[in-house]
Amino acid sequence: MAKFCTGCGMELTDGLMFCTGCGTKVPEGAPAEAPAVKGEIPAEEKVVKEPVMVQAQPEQQQQYIPPQHQPPPQQTAYTPPPLPREIMDSDVKGTKYEPISAWGFIGIMLLMCIPIVGILLVIIWACGGCRKLCKRSLARATLIMAAIGLVISLIIGIAAGSFMNFLSNNIEASGEQSGIAAIFSSIIGDKDGEGLAGLIGNIENINKDAEKQNNGWPKKLRKYPGGEAKSVTSYRTEISGTTADEMFSWIDDLKKDGYKFQDFYDMGMTEQDMLDMNGWWATDGKLYLSMSYADGTVTVDHTNELPDLENYFN
């Protein structure tokens, strides 16, 4: 017996799970007779004795399409939001966001340089007493930098004061002043209150004493190998147009002549310390040499007697 679709009334072939006409699923035990279709003439009103099959289109019936055959969903292209309009100078003119010109900053900094008034203006601007935000930011940055500078200055001042007190205490505790200790004592002030003026006077006395005791380049002192020698005083000769290596070579020759390094004023300097500073102290027991190199010039002090600094600084 033939079977018919319950959706469209089409005759079905055995073994089908869906109607080939409308796609309606075929239920188990589908009706053997075609269902009544909308618009079909009742059997009792038909003139023709033989039934006439009228196939009607189902109303709003969707045809089934297997998932693998369904078209992919349409994707709409992404449209980014519109970019904000560029901010023009005319948009912020007259507002608190208006920038300050270069000449405006120059005027502000000149006002800051006025004593007392400048400090008051900076404080007022930093607290919001101005219309433009950039002026307020500049004032706040100025106050922050001033505070940092004040803290650093205090730290340096305290450290320098502690260092000077330390030197002064050590000099007083030692009782005797010689060499570099005597010089520091004169700089920071001795018992007589001479201070720096006393130091300068003592150095002048030392130079005068050395001037009297010497008379130019000693005859027994090996000649410097190069450069142009110039006698500055009776105990000092400057040799220009030379190098540090040439001075070191001359020192090696002086060692062969019997000169040995000596820390004249007990400053705790080793020979290598002096050489690292492009200098050298030495004596052969009769002549005292002091030399230093700087900017292509070697300065040589040659004295027959070592100046006694204690006689001048005590």
C-alpha atoms as a PDB file:
ATOM      1  CA  MET A   1       0.000   0.000   0.000  1.00  0.00           C
ATOM      2  CA  ALA A   2       1.438   3.453  -0.916  1.00  0.00           C
ATOM      3  CA  LYS A   3       2.339   5.949   1.730  1.00  0.00           C
ATOM      4  CA  PHE A   4       1.904   9.720   1.534  1.00  0.00           C
ATOM      5  CA  CYS A   5       3.677  12.667   3.162  1.00  0.00           C
ATOM      6  CA  THR A   6       1.789  14.264   6.000  1.00  0.00           C
ATOM      7  CA  GLY A   7       3.108  17.659   4.954  1.00  0.00           C
ATOM      8  CA  CYS A   8       2.496  17.911   1.248  1.00  0.00           C
ATOM      9  CA  GLY A   9       0.659  14.675   0.446  1.00  0.00           C
ATOM     10  CA  MET A  10       3.267  13.451  -1.976  1.00  0.00           C
ATOM     11  CA  GLU A  11       3.548   9.746  -2.432  1.00  0.00           C
ATOM     12  CA  LEU A  12       6.516   8.326  -0.561  1.00  0.00           C
ATOM     13  CA  THR A  13       8.858   5.591  -1.539  1.00  0.00           C
ATOM     14  CA  ASP A  14       9.603   2.920   0.997  1.00  0.00           C
ATOM     15  CA  GLY A  15      12.764   3.485   3.038  1.00  0.00           C
ATOM     16  CA  LEU A  16      12.766   7.299   2.921  1.00  0.00           C
ATOM     17  CA  MET A  17      13.220   9.191   6.183  1.00  0.00           C
ATOM     18  CA  PHE A  18      12.350  12.610   4.713  1.00  0.00           C
ATOM     19  CA  CYS A  19       9.940  13.699   2.044  1.00  0.00           C
ATOM     20  CA  THR A  20      11.676  14.558  -1.219  1.00  0.00           C
ATOM     21  CA  GLY A  21       9.091  17.187  -1.960  1.00  0.00           C
ATOM     22  CA  CYS A  22       8.983  19.291   1.196  1.00  0.00           C
ATOM     23  CA  GLY A  23      11.629  17.761   3.434  1.00  0.00           C
ATOM     24  CA  THR A  24       9.226  16.796   6.193  1.00  0.00           C
ATOM     25  CA  LYS A  25      10.401  13.912   8.312  1.00  0.00           C
ATOM     26  CA  VAL A  26       8.517  10.719   7.655  1.00  0.00           C
ATOM     27  CA  PRO A  27       7.109   9.436  10.961  1.00  0.00           C
ATOM     28  CA  GLU A  28       6.833   5.791  11.790  1.00  0.00           C
ATOM     29  CA  GLY A  29       3.644   4.379  10.408  1.00  0.00           C
ATOM     30  CA  ALA A  30       2.954   7.118   7.854  1.00  0.00           C
ATOM     31  CA  PRO A  31      -0.689   7.229   6.680  1.00  0.00           C
ATOM     32  CA  ALA A  32      -1.455   5.019   3.774  1.00  0.00           C
ATOM     33  CA  GLU A  33      -3.956   7.503   2.389  1.00  0.00           C
ATOM     34  CA  ALA A  34      -3.087  10.963   1.273  1.00  0.00           C
ATOM     35  CA  PRO A  35      -4.163  13.565   3.827  1.00  0.00           C
ATOM     36  CA  ALA A  36      -6.586  16.218   3.002  1.00  0.00           C
ATOM     37  CA  VAL A  37      -4.921  19.181   1.405  1.00  0.00           C
ATOM     38  CA  LYS A  38      -6.147  22.730   1.679  1.00  0.00           C
ATOM     39  CA  GLY A  39      -8.126  23.643  -1.407  1.00  0.00           C
ATOM     40  CA  GLU A  40      -8.964  20.046  -2.334  1.00  0.00           C
ATOM     41  CA  ILE A  41     -12.579  19.354  -3.426  1.00  0.00           C
ATOM     42  CA  PRO A  42     -14.357  16.967  -1.095  1.00  0.00           C
ATOM     43  CA  ALA A  43     -14.869  13.494  -2.445  1.00  0.00           C
ATOM     44  CA  GLU A  44     -18.648  13.718  -2.267  1.00  0.00           C
ATOM     45  CA  GLU A  45     -18.581  16.851  -4.431  1.00  0.00           C
ATOM     46  CA  LYS A  46     -16.376  15.387  -7.143  1.00  0.00           C
ATOM     47  CA  VAL A  47     -17.968  14.498 -10.439  1.00  0.00           C
ATOM     48  CA  VAL A  48     -15.155  12.217 -11.446  1.00  0.00           C
ATOM     49  CA  LYS A  49     -15.390   8.901  -9.723  1.00  0.00           C
ATOM     50  CA  GLU A  50     -11.647   8.405  -9.748  1.00  0.00           C
ATOM     51  CA  PRO A  51      -9.840  10.469  -7.076  1.00  0.00           C
ATOM     52  CA  VAL A  52      -7.634  13.200  -8.453  1.00  0.00           C
ATOM     53  CA  MET A  53      -4.477  13.929  -6.530  1.00  0.00           C
ATOM     54  CA  VAL A  54      -3.922  17.651  -6.074  1.00  0.00           C
ATOM     55  CA  GLN A  55      -0.519  18.646  -4.798  1.00  0.00           C
ATOM     56  CA  ALA A  56      -0.592  21.851  -2.784  1.00  0.00           C
ATOM     57  CA  GLN A  57       2.316  23.895  -1.620  1.00  0.00           C
ATOM     58  CA  PRO A  58       2.574  23.982   2.192  1.00  0.00           C
ATOM     59  CA  GLU A  59       2.247  27.374   3.756  1.00  0.00           C
ATOM     60  CA  GLN A  60       5.508  28.673   5.190  1.00  0.00           C
ATOM     61  CA  GLN A  61       7.086  25.215   5.133  1.00  0.00           C
ATOM     62  CA  GLN A  62      10.870  25.293   5.071  1.00  0.00           C
ATOM     63  CA  GLN A  63      12.767  22.684   3.197  1.00  0.00           C
ATOM     64  CA  TYR A  64      15.217  20.762   5.340  1.00  0.00           C
ATOM     65  CA  ILE A  65      18.840  21.136   4.359  1.00  0.00           C
ATOM     66  CA  PRO A  66      21.434  18.961   6.102  1.00  0.00           C
ATOM     67  CA  PRO A  67      24.009  20.951   8.136  1.00  0.00           C
ATOM     68  CA  GLN A  68      26.894  19.991   5.855  1.00  0.00           C
ATOM     69  CA  HIS A  69      25.099  21.534   2.893  1.00  0.00           C
ATOM     70  CA  GLN A  70      23.984  24.727   4.579  1.00  0.00           C
ATOM     71  CA  PRO A  71      25.747  27.904   3.353  1.00  0.00           C
ATOM     72  CA  PRO A  72      28.073  29.574   5.865  1.00  0.00           C
ATOM     73  CA  PRO A  73      26.616  32.534   7.731  1.00  0.00           C
ATOM     74  CA  GLN A  74      27.414  35.884   6.212  1.00  0.00           C
ATOM     75  CA  GLN A  75      29.944  37.924   8.220  1.00  0.00           C
ATOM     76  CA  THR A  76      29.749  41.658   8.207  1.00  0.00           C
ATOM     77  CA  ALA A  77      33.041  43.569   7.828  1.00  0.00           C
ATOM     78  CA  TYR A  78      34.333  45.268  11.000  1.00  0.00           C
ATOM     79  CA  THR A  79      34.125  49.001  10.813  1.00  0.00           C
ATOM     80  CA  PRO A  80      36.420  50.774  13.351  1.00  0.00           C
ATOM     81  CA  PRO A  81      34.981  53.679  15.283  1.00  0.00           C
ATOM     82  CA  PRO A  82      35.844  57.092  13.906  1.00  0.00           C
ATOM     83  CA  LEU A  83      39.049  58.642  15.220  1.00  0.00           C
ATOM     84  CA  PRO A  84      38.726  61.697  17.480  1.00  0.00           C
ATOM     85  CA  ARG A  85      39.152  64.963  15.733  1.00  0.00           C
ATOM     86  CA  GLU A  86      42.618  66.513  16.034  1.00  0.00           C
ATOM     87  CA  ILE A  87      42.779  69.105  18.771  1.00  0.00           C
ATOM     88  CA  MET A  88      43.702  72.450  17.326  1.00  0.00           C
ATOM     89  CA  ASP A  89      45.279  75.390  19.140  1.00  0.00           C
ATOM     90  CA  SER A  90      42.110  77.295  18.530  1.00  0.00           C
ATOM     91  CA  ASP A  91      40.155  74.727  20.541  1.00  0.00           C
ATOM     92  CA  VAL A  92      42.118  75.362  23.781  1.00  0.00           C
ATOM     93  CA  LYS A  93      42.793  79.039  23.318  1.00  0.00           C
ATOM     94  CA  GLY A  94      41.514  80.975  26.287  1.00  0.00           C
ATOM     95  CA  THR A  95      41.139  77.831  28.442  1.00  0.00           C
ATOM     96  CA  LYS A  96      43.310  76.432  31.209  1.00  0.00           C
ATOM     97  CA  TYR A  97      44.841  73.979  28.717  1.00  0.00           C
ATOM     98  CA  GLU A  98      46.259  76.765  26.517  1.00  0.00           C
ATOM     99  CA  PRO A  99      50.044  76.258  26.057  1.00  0.00           C
ATOM    100  CA  ILE A 100      52.584  78.882  27.044  1.00  0.00           C
ATOM    101  CA  SER A 101      54.929  80.253  24.409  1.00  0.00           C
ATOM    102  CA  ALA A 102      58.720  80.348  24.742  1.00  0.00           C
ATOM    103  CA  TRP A 103      58.648  84.074  25.557  1.00  0.00           C
ATOM    104  CA  GLY A 104      56.012  83.356  28.168  1.00  0.00           C
ATOM    105  CA  PHE A 105      58.302  80.879  29.912  1.00  0.00           C
ATOM    106  CA  ILE A 106      61.163  83.398  29.787  1.00  0.00           C
ATOM    107  CA  GLY A 107      58.956  85.955  31.500  1.00  0.00           C
ATOM    108  CA  ILE A 108      57.903  83.462  34.159  1.00  0.00           C
ATOM    109  CA  MET A 109      61.515  82.508  34.938  1.00  0.00           C
ATOM    110  CA  LEU A 110      62.524  86.170  35.164  1.00  0.00           C
ATOM    111  CA  LEU A 111      59.769  86.705  37.720  1.00  0.00           C
ATOM    112  CA  MET A 112      61.055  83.698  39.678  1.00  0.00           C
ATOM    113  CA  CYS A 113      64.503  85.320  39.905  1.00  0.00           C
ATOM    114  CA  ILE A 114      63.172  88.298  41.867  1.00  0.00           C
ATOM    115  CA  PRO A 115      64.156  87.889  45.553  1.00  0.00           C
ATOM    116  CA  ILE A 116      61.268  87.038  47.909  1.00  0.00           C
ATOM    117  CA  VAL A 117      58.667  88.025  45.271  1.00  0.00           C
ATOM    118  CA  GLY A 118      59.734  85.159  43.022  1.00  0.00           C
ATOM    119  CA  ILE A 119      59.442  82.645  45.870  1.00  0.00           C
ATOM    120  CA  LEU A 120      55.967  83.915  46.759  1.00  0.00           C
ATOM    121  CA  LEU A 121      54.821  83.738  43.131  1.00  0.00           C
ATOM    122  CA  VAL A 122      56.102  80.164  42.773  1.00  0.00           C
ATOM    123  CA  ILE A 123      54.242  79.085  45.909  1.00  0.00           C
ATOM    124  CA  ILE A 124      51.020  80.797  44.753  1.00  0.00           C
ATOM    125  CA  TRP A 125      51.211  79.261  41.282  1.00  0.00           C
ATOM    126  CA  ALA A 126      52.025  75.803  42.671  1.00  0.00           C
ATOM    127  CA  CYS A 127      48.951  75.970  44.942  1.00  0.00           C
ATOM    128  CA  GLY A 128      46.668  76.633  41.953  1.00  0.00           C
ATOM    129  CA  GLY A 129      46.653  80.417  41.969  1.00  0.00           C
ATOM    130  CA  CYS A 130      47.008  80.658  38.188  1.00  0.00           C
ATOM    131  CA  ARG A 131      44.739  79.962  35.213  1.00  0.00           C
ATOM    132  CA  LYS A 132      47.015  77.811  33.059  1.00  0.00           C
ATOM    133  CA  LEU A 133      47.875  74.238  34.055  1.00  0.00           C
ATOM    134  CA  CYS A 134      51.344  74.327  32.491  1.00  0.00           C
ATOM    135  CA  LYS A 135      52.325  77.301  34.668  1.00  0.00           C
ATOM    136  CA  ARG A 136      51.175  75.418  37.756  1.00  0.00           C
ATOM    137  CA  SER A 137      53.186  72.338  36.729  1.00  0.00           C
ATOM    138  CA  LEU A 138      56.295  74.497  36.153  1.00  0.00           C
ATOM    139  CA  ALA A 139      55.944  76.087  39.600  1.00  0.00           C
ATOM    140  CA  ARG A 140      55.541  72.708  41.297  1.00  0.00           C
ATOM    141  CA  ALA A 141      58.579  71.306  39.467  1.00  0.00           C
ATOM    142  CA  THR A 142      60.598  74.348  40.570  1.00  0.00           C
ATOM    143  CA  LEU A 143      59.662  73.827  44.218  1.00  0.00           C
ATOM    144  CA  ILE A 144      60.535  70.121  44.039  1.00  0.00           C
ATOM    145  CA  MET A 145      63.966  70.835  42.515  1.00  0.00           C
ATOM    146  CA  ALA A 146      64.614  73.568  45.090  1.00  0.00           C
ATOM    147  CA  ALA A 147      63.796  71.164  47.918  1.00  0.00           C
ATOM    148  CA  ILE A 148      66.100  68.484  46.471  1.00  0.00           C
ATOM    149  CA  GLY A 149      68.926  71.007  46.073  1.00  0.00           C
ATOM    150  CA  LEU A 150      68.479  72.230  49.656  1.00  0.00           C
ATOM    151  CA  VAL A 151      68.668  68.684  51.030  1.00  0.00           C
ATOM    152  CA  ILE A 152      71.808  67.907  49.001  1.00  0.00           C
ATOM    153  CA  SER A 153      73.445  71.164  50.132  1.00  0.00           C
ATOM    154  CA  LEU A 154      72.724  70.371  53.772  1.00  0.00           C
ATOM    155  CA  ILE A 155      74.199  66.898  53.433  1.00  0.00           C
ATOM    156  CA  ILE A 156      77.370  68.241  51.768  1.00  0.00           C
ATOM    157  CA  GLY A 157      77.693  71.001  54.360  1.00  0.00           C
ATOM    158  CA  ILE A 158      77.330  68.615  57.284  1.00  0.00           C
ATOM    159  CA  ALA A 159      79.836  66.182  55.736  1.00  0.00           C
ATOM    160  CA  ALA A 160      82.378  68.969  55.069  1.00  0.00           C
ATOM    161  CA  GLY A 161      81.998  70.339  58.618  1.00  0.00           C
ATOM    162  CA  SER A 162      82.494  66.894  60.117  1.00  0.00           C
ATOM    163  CA  PHE A 163      85.606  66.354  57.993  1.00  0.00           C
ATOM    164  CA  MET A 164      87.147  69.670  59.053  1.00  0.00           C
ATOM    165  CA  ASN A 165      86.369  68.984  62.724  1.00  0.00           C
ATOM    166  CA  PHE A 166      87.978  65.574  62.363  1.00  0.00           C
ATOM    167  CA  LEU A 167      91.156  67.119  60.950  1.00  0.00           C
ATOM    168  CA  SER A 168      91.213  69.787  63.631  1.00  0.00           C
ATOM    169  CA  ASN A 169      90.812  67.247  66.435  1.00  0.00           C
ATOM    170  CA  ASN A 170      93.554  65.036  65.034  1.00  0.00           C
ATOM    171  CA  ILE A 171      95.936  67.973  64.735  1.00  0.00           C
ATOM    172  CA  GLU A 172      95.271  69.102  68.304  1.00  0.00           C
ATOM    173  CA  ALA A 173      95.634  65.544  69.641  1.00  0.00           C
ATOM    174  CA  SER A 174      98.978  65.002  67.914  1.00  0.00           C
ATOM    175  CA  GLY A 175     100.539  67.976  69.717  1.00  0.00           C
ATOM    176  CA  GLU A 176     103.228  68.409  67.055  1.00  0.00           C
ATOM    177  CA  GLN A 177     102.435  69.804  63.637  1.00  0.00           C
ATOM    178  CA  SER A 178     104.592  68.926  60.702  1.00  0.00           C
ATOM    179  CA  GLY A 179     104.221  68.608  56.969  1.00  0.00           C
ATOM    180  CA  ILE A 180     100.670  68.443  55.656  1.00  0.00           C
ATOM    181  CA  ALA A 181      99.206  68.639  59.184  1.00  0.00           C
ATOM    182  CA  ALA A 182     100.798  72.057  59.652  1.00  0.00           C
ATOM    183  CA  ILE A 183      99.367  73.262  56.354  1.00  0.00           C
ATOM    184  CA  PHE A 184      95.844  72.127  57.339  1.00  0.00           C
ATOM    185  CA  SER A 185      96.277  73.780  60.693  1.00  0.00           C
ATOM    186  CA  SER A 186      97.131  77.084  59.041  1.00  0.00           C
ATOM    187  CA  ILE A 187      94.176  76.854  56.652  1.00  0.00           C
ATOM    188  CA  ILE A 188      91.562  76.215  59.333  1.00  0.00           C
ATOM    189  CA  GLY A 189      93.179  78.708  61.746  1.00  0.00           C
ATOM    190  CA  ASP A 190      95.914  78.340  64.315  1.00  0.00           C
ATOM    191  CA  LYS A 191      95.947  79.424  67.940  1.00  0.00           C
ATOM    192  CA  ASP A 192      96.974  82.960  67.024  1.00  0.00           C
ATOM    193  CA  GLY A 193      94.123  83.219  64.555  1.00  0.00           C
ATOM    194  CA  GLU A 194      96.390  83.836  61.575  1.00  0.00           C
ATOM    195  CA  GLY A 195      94.563  81.365  59.340  1.00  0.00           C
ATOM    196  CA  LEU A 196      95.145  81.595  55.586  1.00  0.00           C
ATOM    197  CA  ALA A 197      97.092  84.871  55.845  1.00  0.00           C
ATOM    198  CA  GLY A 198      99.582  83.185  58.192  1.00  0.00           C
ATOM    199  CA  LEU A 199      99.955  80.279  55.765  1.00  0.00           C
ATOM    200  CA  ILE A 200     100.778  82.607  52.868  1.00  0.00           C
ATOM    201  CA  GLY A 201     103.323  84.493  54.992  1.00  0.00           C
ATOM    202  CA  ASN A 202     105.017  81.283  56.089  1.00  0.00           C
ATOM    203  CA  ILE A 203     105.303  80.036  52.523  1.00  0.00           C
ATOM    204  CA  GLU A 204     106.905  83.320  51.493  1.00  0.00           C
ATOM    205  CA  ASN A 205     109.444  82.947  54.299  1.00  0.00           C
ATOM    206  CA  ILE A 206     110.264  79.428  53.150  1.00  0.00           C
ATOM    207  CA  ASN A 207     110.809  80.629  49.581  1.00  0.00           C
ATOM    208  CA  LYS A 208     113.061  83.490  50.728  1.00  0.00           C
ATOM    209  CA  ASP A 209     115.117  81.132  52.865  1.00  0.00           C
ATOM    210  CA  ALA A 210     115.512  78.681  49.974  1.00  0.00           C
ATOM    211  CA  GLU A 211     116.420  81.553  47.636  1.00  0.00           C
ATOM    212  CA  LYS A 212     119.336  82.509  49.883  1.00  0.00           C
ATOM    213  CA  GLN A 213     120.663  78.988  50.272  1.00  0.00           C
ATOM    214  CA  ASN A 214     120.762  78.051  46.560  1.00  0.00           C
ATOM    215  CA  ASN A 215     122.307  79.416  43.423  1.00  0.00           C
ATOM    216  CA  GLY A 216     120.809  77.931  40.295  1.00  0.00           C
ATOM    217  CA  TRP A 217     121.157  74.446  38.827  1.00  0.00           C
ATOM    218  CA  PRO A 218     123.684  72.436  40.917  1.00  0.00           C
ATOM    219  CA  LYS A 219     126.832  71.475  39.049  1.00  0.00           C
ATOM    220  CA  LYS A 220     126.791  67.918  40.390  1.00  0.00           C
ATOM    221  CA  LEU A 221     123.161  67.356  39.270  1.00  0.00           C
ATOM    222  CA  ARG A 222     122.776  65.420  36.025  1.00  0.00           C
ATOM    223  CA  LYS A 223     121.467  67.574  33.166  1.00  0.00           C
ATOM    224  CA  TYR A 224     117.900  66.986  32.032  1.00  0.00           C
ATOM    225  CA  PRO A 225     117.974  65.083  28.709  1.00  0.00           C
ATOM    226  CA  GLY A 226     115.571  67.267  26.696  1.00  0.00           C
ATOM    227  CA  GLY A 227     113.283  70.263  26.573  1.00  0.00           C
ATOM    228  CA  GLU A 228     114.126  73.908  27.218  1.00  0.00           C
ATOM    229  CA  ALA A 229     115.274  74.757  30.745  1.00  0.00           C
ATOM    230  CA  LYS A 230     114.392  78.063  32.367  1.00  0.00           C
ATOM    231  CA  SER A 231     115.542  79.179  35.810  1.00  0.00           C
ATOM    232  CA  VAL A 232     112.555  80.600  37.672  1.00  0.00           C
ATOM    233  CA  THR A 233     114.347  81.141  40.984  1.00  0.00           C
ATOM    234  CA  SER A 234     117.670  80.112  42.430  1.00  0.00           C
ATOM    235  CA  TYR A 235     116.164  76.822  43.624  1.00  0.00           C
ATOM    236  CA  ARG A 236     113.579  76.134  40.891  1.00  0.00           C
ATOM    237  CA  THR A 237     113.999  75.263  37.217  1.00  0.00           C
ATOM    238  CA  GLU A 238     111.192  74.722  34.708  1.00  0.00           C
ATOM    239  CA  ILE A 239     111.829  72.512  31.683  1.00  0.00           C
ATOM    240  CA  SER A 240     109.252  72.916  28.916  1.00  0.00           C
ATOM    241  CA  GLY A 241     108.720  70.870  25.765  1.00  0.00           C
ATOM    242  CA  THR A 242     109.170  67.499  27.442  1.00  0.00           C
ATOM    243  CA  THR A 243     107.079  64.450  28.321  1.00  0.00           C
ATOM    244  CA  ALA A 244     106.348  62.387  31.417  1.00  0.00           C
ATOM    245  CA  ASP A 245     108.209  59.414  29.924  1.00  0.00           C
ATOM    246  CA  GLU A 246     111.289  61.582  29.478  1.00  0.00           C
ATOM    247  CA  MET A 247     111.054  62.637  33.139  1.00  0.00           C
ATOM    248  CA  PHE A 248     110.751  59.001  34.274  1.00  0.00           C
ATOM    249  CA  SER A 249     113.821  58.093  32.203  1.00  0.00           C
ATOM    250  CA  TRP A 250     115.734  60.918  33.916  1.00  0.00           C
ATOM    251  CA  ILE A 251     114.614  59.599  37.318  1.00  0.00           C
ATOM    252  CA  ASP A 252     116.052  56.181  36.460  1.00  0.00           C
ATOM    253  CA  ASP A 253     119.382  57.827  35.648  1.00  0.00           C
ATOM    254  CA  LEU A 254     119.287  59.773  38.947  1.00  0.00           C
ATOM    255  CA  LYS A 255     118.821  56.506  40.829  1.00  0.00           C
ATOM    256  CA  LYS A 256     122.033  55.280  39.218  1.00  0.00           C
ATOM    257  CA  ASP A 257     123.715  58.459  40.556  1.00  0.00           C
ATOM    258  CA  GLY A 258     122.737  57.497  44.123  1.00  0.00           C
ATOM    259  CA  TYR A 259     119.463  59.408  44.610  1.00  0.00           C
ATOM    260  CA  LYS A 260     116.794  57.591  46.616  1.00  0.00           C
ATOM    261  CA  PHE A 261     113.151  58.368  47.237  1.00  0.00           C
ATOM    262  CA  GLN A 262     112.338  59.991  50.587  1.00  0.00           C
ATOM    263  CA  ASP A 263     109.025  61.177  52.021  1.00  0.00           C
ATOM    264  CA  PHE A 264     110.385  64.541  53.211  1.00  0.00           C
ATOM    265  CA  TYR A 265     107.421  65.638  55.302  1.00  0.00           C
ATOM    266  CA  ASP A 266     106.121  62.257  56.554  1.00  0.00           C
ATOM    267  CA  MET A 267     102.913  62.483  54.533  1.00  0.00           C
ATOM    268  CA  GLY A 268     102.620  58.706  54.244  1.00  0.00           C
ATOM    269  CA  MET A 269     103.424  58.798  50.514  1.00  0.00           C
ATOM    270  CA  THR A 270     105.181  55.873  48.877  1.00  0.00           C
ATOM    271  CA  GLU A 271     107.442  56.219  45.872  1.00  0.00           C
ATOM    272  CA  GLN A 272     104.824  54.609  43.642  1.00  0.00           C
ATOM    273  CA  ASP A 273     102.211  57.055  44.928  1.00  0.00           C
ATOM    274  CA  MET A 274     104.424  59.932  43.860  1.00  0.00           C
ATOM    275  CA  LEU A 275     105.168  58.409  40.464  1.00  0.00           C
ATOM    276  CA  ASP A 276     101.458  57.806  39.854  1.00  0.00           C
ATOM    277  CA  MET A 277     100.964  61.550  40.401  1.00  0.00           C
ATOM    278  CA  ASN A 278     103.800  62.342  37.945  1.00  0.00           C
ATOM    279  CA  GLY A 279     106.083  63.480  40.744  1.00  0.00           C
ATOM    280  CA  TRP A 280     109.150  62.356  42.747  1.00  0.00           C
ATOM    281  CA  TRP A 281     111.077  63.279  45.885  1.00  0.00           C
ATOM    282  CA  ALA A 282     114.654  62.114  46.349  1.00  0.00           C
ATOM    283  CA  THR A 283     117.992  62.915  47.974  1.00  0.00           C
ATOM    284  CA  ASP A 284     121.561  61.698  47.902  1.00  0.00           C
ATOM    285  CA  GLY A 285     122.139  62.988  51.429  1.00  0.00           C
ATOM    286  CA  LYS A 286     123.482  66.378  50.257  1.00  0.00           C
ATOM    287  CA  LEU A 287     121.043  67.593  47.596  1.00  0.00           C
ATOM    288  CA  TYR A 288     117.263  67.423  47.892  1.00  0.00           C
ATOM    289  CA  LEU A 289     115.161  67.120  44.718  1.00  0.00           C
ATOM    290  CA  SER A 290     111.452  67.614  44.198  1.00  0.00           C
ATOM    291  CA  MET A 291     109.962  67.336  40.697  1.00  0.00           C
ATOM    292  CA  SER A 292     106.535  67.219  39.063  1.00  0.00           C
ATOM    293  CA  TYR A 293     105.213  67.000  35.488  1.00  0.00           C
ATOM    294  CA  ALA A 294     102.180  68.841  34.088  1.00  0.00           C
ATOM    295  CA  ASP A 295     101.179  69.931  30.563  1.00  0.00           C
ATOM    296  CA  GLY A 296     104.535  69.263  28.953  1.00  0.00           C
ATOM    297  CA  THR A 297     106.573  71.019  31.643  1.00  0.00           C
ATOM    298  CA  VAL A 298     108.752  69.519  34.388  1.00  0.00           C
ATOM    299  CA  THR A 299     109.317  71.653  37.501  1.00  0.00           C
ATOM    300  CA  VAL A 300     112.448  70.747  39.476  1.00  0.00           C
ATOM    301  CA  ASP A 301     113.207  72.141  42.955  1.00  0.00           C
ATOM    302  CA  HIS A 302     116.838  71.615  43.995  1.00  0.00           C
ATOM    303  CA  THR A 303     117.899  72.666  47.504  1.00  0.00           C
ATOM    304  CA  ASN A 304     121.017  72.053  49.526  1.00  0.00           C
ATOM    305  CA  GLU A 305     119.004  71.818  52.723  1.00  0.00           C
ATOM    306  CA  LEU A 306     115.484  70.518  53.300  1.00  0.00           C
ATOM    307  CA  PRO A 307     113.293  73.388  54.587  1.00  0.00           C
ATOM    308  CA  ASP A 308     112.206  72.730  58.162  1.00  0.00           C
ATOM    309  CA  LEU A 309     108.454  73.392  58.021  1.00  0.00           C
ATOM    310  CA  GLU A 310     108.090  73.037  61.782  1.00  0.00           C
ATOM    311  CA  ASN A 311     110.058  76.266  62.255  1.00  0.00           C
ATOM    312  CA  TYR A 312     107.536  78.130  60.151  1.00  0.00           C
ATOM    313  CA  PHE A 313     104.224  76.547  61.161  1.00  0.00           C
ATOM    314  CA  ASN A 314     104.736  76.107  64.919  1.00  0.00           C
END
